[in-house]
Amino acid sequence: MSATRIVDVTDAASFGLVPPCADPGFDHRSCDYWEDAARGSKAARSSWLAAVASAPAPAPRRRNPFADAEDLEPLDNPFAPRPSAGPGYNPFADADETTMADNPFAPVRPARRGVGADAPRKLGLLGRGLAVFGSYAKELLSDDEPVAYAQFGPLSAYPRALQLRELYPQLPDAPLPAVITCIATTREARRAGHAGRLVRAVYDDLASRGFSAVEAYPEIGARPDATSGATTAFWLSAGFVLAVDDERFPVVRRELG
């Protein structure tokens, strides 16, 4: 029996494990279909997989308005923030003092989680909620081989889901649900139950984060390799109920508790 484990996508190493789409024309690693309701695409875009080089911002120059025109020296303002000064910079310290002693009475802010400004674009999208919400994606590995992928998160993170949901005023709008926007299995690993196991891990995780419901949006008539929303039958087998019965874009929902 194969050994399976589930990994949260939170950094470059876990992002590198995202499995390929069954249709090579699509790519989970460059898909912004749900994040961009107007121009989002599922297409494979190799340029999205490269780290983004971030150039340091140039130091701003502050001129003395009373200086002669040829005087280009910046105004020495002790109250102005200085590019070289880190957190806690003391403008009244001696010129050669570059740091200030920690204040034992000031509250210490925990470091905010993130993926870094130079992360690939899709990893940046997945990492938007790390400091507050947590992971936006999980993957299932079978014998250390990535075989299934799920994307999820708060409704506010996915404008296309918000737009689709507006079509159905009968859906409850308080409290707003979490959503699972993508569930996919590699072609070779289908019909082994991996997608079901991954979805159960996702909604258990969402319940632990305080969500009371989760929704998904299957697409009727789409090719199996071209949809990220699975089928209505799949969601019903995973414990969801049909919240909106539509011939093209139904909505399935599961209460969490």
Protein backbone atom coordinates (compact mmCIF):
# COMPACT_ATOMS: atom_id res chain seq x y z
CA MET A 1 0.00 0.00 0.00
CA SER A 2 1.33 3.43 -0.91
CA ALA A 3 2.07 5.98 1.78
CA THR A 4 0.30 9.32 1.38
CA ARG A 5 0.85 12.67 3.01
CA ILE A 6 -0.64 16.13 2.57
CA VAL A 7 1.50 19.25 2.29
CA ASP A 8 0.48 22.90 2.56
CA VAL A 9 1.83 25.15 -0.19
CA THR A 10 3.55 27.92 1.76
CA ASP A 11 7.03 28.33 0.29
CA ALA A 12 9.20 27.69 -2.74
CA ALA A 13 9.91 24.08 -1.78
CA SER A 14 6.24 23.09 -1.46
CA PHE A 15 5.33 25.16 -4.54
CA GLY A 16 7.87 23.13 -6.48
CA LEU A 17 5.87 19.99 -5.65
CA VAL A 18 2.63 21.18 -7.26
CA PRO A 19 1.66 18.34 -9.64
CA PRO A 20 1.12 18.92 -13.37
CA CYS A 21 -2.34 19.33 -14.86
CA ALA A 22 -3.75 16.40 -16.83
CA ASP A 23 -3.92 18.70 -19.86
CA PRO A 24 -0.43 20.16 -20.46
CA GLY A 25 -1.98 23.32 -21.87
CA PHE A 26 -2.99 24.27 -18.32
CA ASP A 27 -0.83 24.71 -15.25
CA HIS A 28 -1.81 25.07 -11.60
CA ARG A 29 1.42 27.02 -11.08
CA SER A 30 0.42 29.85 -13.42
CA CYS A 31 -3.38 29.80 -13.10
CA ASP A 32 -5.11 32.99 -11.97
CA TYR A 33 -8.56 32.05 -13.31
CA TRP A 34 -10.24 32.44 -9.92
CA GLU A 35 -8.14 35.36 -8.71
CA ASP A 36 -8.89 37.57 -11.73
CA ALA A 37 -12.57 37.54 -12.70
CA ALA A 38 -12.04 39.59 -15.87
CA ARG A 39 -8.80 38.32 -17.40
CA GLY A 40 -7.89 35.22 -15.40
CA SER A 41 -6.49 32.23 -17.26
CA LYS A 42 -5.68 28.58 -16.59
CA ALA A 43 -3.03 28.55 -19.29
CA ALA A 44 0.50 27.25 -18.79
CA ARG A 45 2.78 30.30 -18.63
CA SER A 46 6.43 29.45 -18.10
CA SER A 47 7.31 33.07 -17.34
CA TRP A 48 5.30 32.82 -14.14
CA LEU A 49 7.57 30.12 -12.74
CA ALA A 50 10.68 32.27 -12.51
CA ALA A 51 11.49 34.18 -9.37
CA VAL A 52 10.94 37.90 -9.72
CA ALA A 53 14.08 39.98 -9.20
CA SER A 54 13.36 42.88 -6.92
CA ALA A 55 15.63 45.90 -7.37
CA PRO A 56 16.31 47.98 -4.27
CA ALA A 57 14.40 51.23 -4.22
CA PRO A 58 16.61 54.28 -4.84
CA ALA A 59 17.22 56.45 -1.83
CA PRO A 60 15.02 59.56 -1.99
CA ARG A 61 16.80 62.92 -2.14
CA ARG A 62 15.55 65.79 -0.07
CA ARG A 63 16.63 69.25 -1.21
CA ASN A 64 16.89 72.37 0.85
CA PRO A 65 14.50 74.88 -0.80
CA PHE A 66 16.62 77.73 0.57
CA ALA A 67 19.89 76.48 -0.92
CA ASP A 68 21.43 77.85 -4.09
CA ALA A 69 20.30 76.22 -7.32
CA GLU A 70 23.62 74.45 -7.79
CA ASP A 71 23.56 73.04 -4.25
CA LEU A 72 22.43 69.44 -4.66
CA GLU A 73 23.11 68.31 -1.11
CA PRO A 74 20.00 66.88 0.60
CA LEU A 75 18.54 68.73 3.52
CA ASP A 76 19.68 67.19 6.82
CA ASN A 77 16.35 66.70 8.58
CA PRO A 78 16.72 64.67 11.79
CA PHE A 79 13.01 63.82 11.73
CA ALA A 80 12.96 62.44 8.16
CA PRO A 81 13.09 58.66 7.76
CA ARG A 82 16.40 57.49 6.38
CA PRO A 83 16.73 54.61 3.92
CA SER A 84 19.68 53.17 5.82
CA ALA A 85 17.88 53.27 9.12
CA GLY A 86 16.27 50.07 10.26
CA PRO A 87 13.39 49.68 12.69
CA GLY A 88 14.06 51.56 15.88
CA TYR A 89 16.38 54.13 14.31
CA ASN A 90 17.04 57.00 16.68
CA PRO A 91 17.33 60.35 14.84
CA PHE A 92 18.95 61.94 17.93
CA ALA A 93 21.74 59.34 18.20
CA ASP A 94 25.33 60.17 17.32
CA ALA A 95 26.16 60.05 13.63
CA ASP A 96 28.15 56.84 14.00
CA GLU A 97 25.41 55.02 15.90
CA THR A 98 23.52 52.81 13.46
CA THR A 99 21.24 50.86 15.78
CA MET A 100 19.19 51.58 18.84
CA ALA A 101 18.95 49.32 21.84
CA ASP A 102 15.76 47.27 22.12
CA ASN A 103 13.03 48.76 24.28
CA PRO A 104 12.14 46.07 26.84
CA PHE A 105 8.77 47.71 27.46
CA ALA A 106 7.63 47.84 23.83
CA PRO A 107 5.46 44.95 22.57
CA VAL A 108 7.32 42.63 20.24
CA ARG A 109 5.55 42.05 16.96
CA PRO A 110 5.84 38.50 15.65
CA ALA A 111 7.34 38.20 12.19
CA ARG A 112 4.60 38.12 9.54
CA ARG A 113 4.59 35.01 7.40
CA GLY A 114 4.95 35.48 3.68
CA VAL A 115 6.60 34.07 0.59
CA GLY A 116 8.92 36.98 -0.20
CA ALA A 117 8.71 39.72 -2.79
CA ASP A 118 10.81 37.76 -5.28
CA ALA A 119 8.54 34.67 -5.31
CA PRO A 120 7.01 33.41 -8.59
CA ARG A 121 3.75 35.21 -9.32
CA LYS A 122 1.42 32.32 -8.53
CA LEU A 123 3.22 31.56 -5.27
CA GLY A 124 2.74 35.22 -4.41
CA LEU A 125 -1.01 34.82 -4.96
CA LEU A 126 -1.11 31.70 -2.81
CA GLY A 127 0.91 33.42 -0.10
CA ARG A 128 -1.33 36.47 0.27
CA GLY A 129 -3.14 35.08 3.29
CA LEU A 130 -0.28 33.45 5.17
CA ALA A 131 -0.02 36.20 7.78
CA VAL A 132 -3.74 36.08 8.62
CA PHE A 133 -5.60 33.17 7.05
CA GLY A 134 -2.98 30.50 6.42
CA SER A 135 -2.33 28.30 3.42
CA TYR A 136 -4.38 28.74 0.22
CA ALA A 137 -3.40 25.39 -1.31
CA LYS A 138 -2.62 21.79 -0.42
CA GLU A 139 -1.16 18.90 -2.35
CA LEU A 140 -1.29 15.16 -1.75
CA LEU A 141 1.81 13.07 -2.24
CA SER A 142 1.69 9.31 -2.77
CA ASP A 143 5.04 7.66 -2.04
CA ASP A 144 6.47 11.20 -2.20
CA GLU A 145 5.07 11.71 -5.72
CA PRO A 146 2.67 14.70 -6.03
CA VAL A 147 -0.63 13.36 -7.37
CA ALA A 148 -3.39 15.79 -6.31
CA TYR A 149 -3.79 19.52 -5.77
CA ALA A 150 -6.45 21.72 -4.16
CA GLN A 151 -6.80 25.50 -3.99
CA PHE A 152 -9.10 27.12 -1.45
CA GLY A 153 -9.48 30.06 0.88
CA PRO A 154 -11.84 32.81 1.98
CA LEU A 155 -14.39 33.94 -0.60
CA SER A 156 -12.84 37.42 -0.66
CA ALA A 157 -9.62 35.97 -2.13
CA TYR A 158 -11.35 34.79 -5.33
CA PRO A 159 -13.22 37.49 -7.28
CA ARG A 160 -14.53 35.01 -9.87
CA ALA A 161 -16.23 33.02 -7.13
CA LEU A 162 -17.73 36.24 -5.77
CA GLN A 163 -18.98 37.11 -9.25
CA LEU A 164 -20.47 33.67 -9.82
CA ARG A 165 -22.13 33.71 -6.42
CA GLU A 166 -23.89 36.98 -7.19
CA LEU A 167 -25.97 35.10 -9.77
CA TYR A 168 -27.75 33.25 -6.99
CA PRO A 169 -29.37 35.52 -4.38
CA GLN A 170 -30.79 32.45 -2.65
CA LEU A 171 -27.34 31.57 -1.31
CA PRO A 172 -26.80 32.70 2.29
CA ASP A 173 -24.49 35.69 2.56
CA ALA A 174 -23.88 35.63 6.30
CA PRO A 175 -21.61 34.21 7.35
CA LEU A 176 -19.76 34.04 4.05
CA PRO A 177 -18.33 30.61 3.23
CA ALA A 178 -14.84 29.50 2.41
CA VAL A 179 -14.47 28.17 -1.12
CA ILE A 180 -12.60 25.35 -2.82
CA THR A 181 -11.83 26.65 -6.28
CA CYS A 182 -9.71 23.80 -7.60
CA ILE A 183 -9.40 20.07 -7.05
CA ALA A 184 -7.35 18.08 -9.53
CA THR A 185 -5.56 14.75 -9.82
CA THR A 186 -2.84 13.80 -12.27
CA ARG A 187 -3.99 11.59 -15.12
CA GLU A 188 -1.97 8.59 -13.90
CA ALA A 189 -3.33 8.77 -10.34
CA ARG A 190 -7.04 9.02 -11.06
CA ARG A 191 -9.65 6.77 -9.44
CA ALA A 192 -7.45 6.02 -6.46
CA GLY A 193 -9.39 8.23 -4.02
CA HIS A 194 -6.69 10.90 -3.73
CA ALA A 195 -8.97 13.84 -4.56
CA GLY A 196 -11.52 12.75 -1.95
CA ARG A 197 -8.85 12.46 0.74
CA LEU A 198 -7.44 15.87 -0.14
CA VAL A 199 -10.85 17.57 -0.07
CA ARG A 200 -11.61 16.07 3.35
CA ALA A 201 -8.30 17.45 4.63
CA VAL A 202 -9.20 20.87 3.22
CA TYR A 203 -12.61 21.14 4.85
CA ASP A 204 -11.29 19.81 8.17
CA ASP A 205 -8.64 22.53 7.99
CA LEU A 206 -11.22 25.20 7.14
CA ALA A 207 -13.40 24.11 10.06
CA SER A 208 -10.41 24.45 12.41
CA ARG A 209 -9.92 28.02 11.12
CA GLY A 210 -13.44 28.97 12.15
CA PHE A 211 -15.39 28.73 8.89
CA SER A 212 -18.95 27.47 9.20
CA ALA A 213 -19.42 26.44 5.56
CA VAL A 214 -17.51 25.77 2.36
CA GLU A 215 -18.71 25.96 -1.25
CA ALA A 216 -17.45 24.71 -4.61
CA TYR A 217 -18.49 25.49 -8.17
CA PRO A 218 -18.45 22.56 -10.61
CA GLU A 219 -18.89 23.25 -14.30
CA ILE A 220 -21.38 21.07 -16.18
CA GLY A 221 -20.27 19.84 -19.60
CA ALA A 222 -16.60 20.74 -19.30
CA ARG A 223 -13.94 18.27 -20.35
CA PRO A 224 -12.51 16.46 -17.29
CA ASP A 225 -9.01 17.72 -18.13
CA ALA A 226 -10.17 21.31 -18.66
CA THR A 227 -12.04 22.03 -15.45
CA SER A 228 -10.75 22.79 -11.98
CA GLY A 229 -14.16 22.36 -10.34
CA ALA A 230 -14.64 18.56 -10.70
CA THR A 231 -18.19 17.24 -11.10
CA THR A 232 -21.31 17.61 -9.02
CA ALA A 233 -21.24 13.86 -8.36
CA PHE A 234 -17.73 14.14 -6.92
CA TRP A 235 -18.77 16.84 -4.46
CA LEU A 236 -21.88 14.96 -3.39
CA SER A 237 -19.73 11.91 -2.66
CA ALA A 238 -17.51 14.15 -0.49
CA GLY A 239 -20.42 15.17 1.74
CA PHE A 240 -21.56 18.34 -0.03
CA VAL A 241 -25.17 19.07 -0.93
CA LEU A 242 -26.54 20.73 -4.04
CA ALA A 243 -27.24 24.32 -2.96
CA VAL A 244 -28.09 25.63 -6.45
CA ASP A 245 -29.17 23.31 -9.24
CA ASP A 246 -28.11 25.05 -12.47
CA GLU A 247 -27.65 23.45 -15.88
CA ARG A 248 -24.23 25.06 -16.35
CA PHE A 249 -22.85 26.39 -13.05
CA PRO A 250 -24.35 24.65 -10.02
CA VAL A 251 -23.21 25.39 -6.48
CA VAL A 252 -22.43 22.73 -3.90
CA ARG A 253 -22.11 23.49 -0.22
CA ARG A 254 -21.08 21.74 2.97
CA GLU A 255 -21.75 22.98 6.47
CA LEU A 256 -18.72 22.68 8.74
CA GLY A 257 -18.86 21.87 12.40
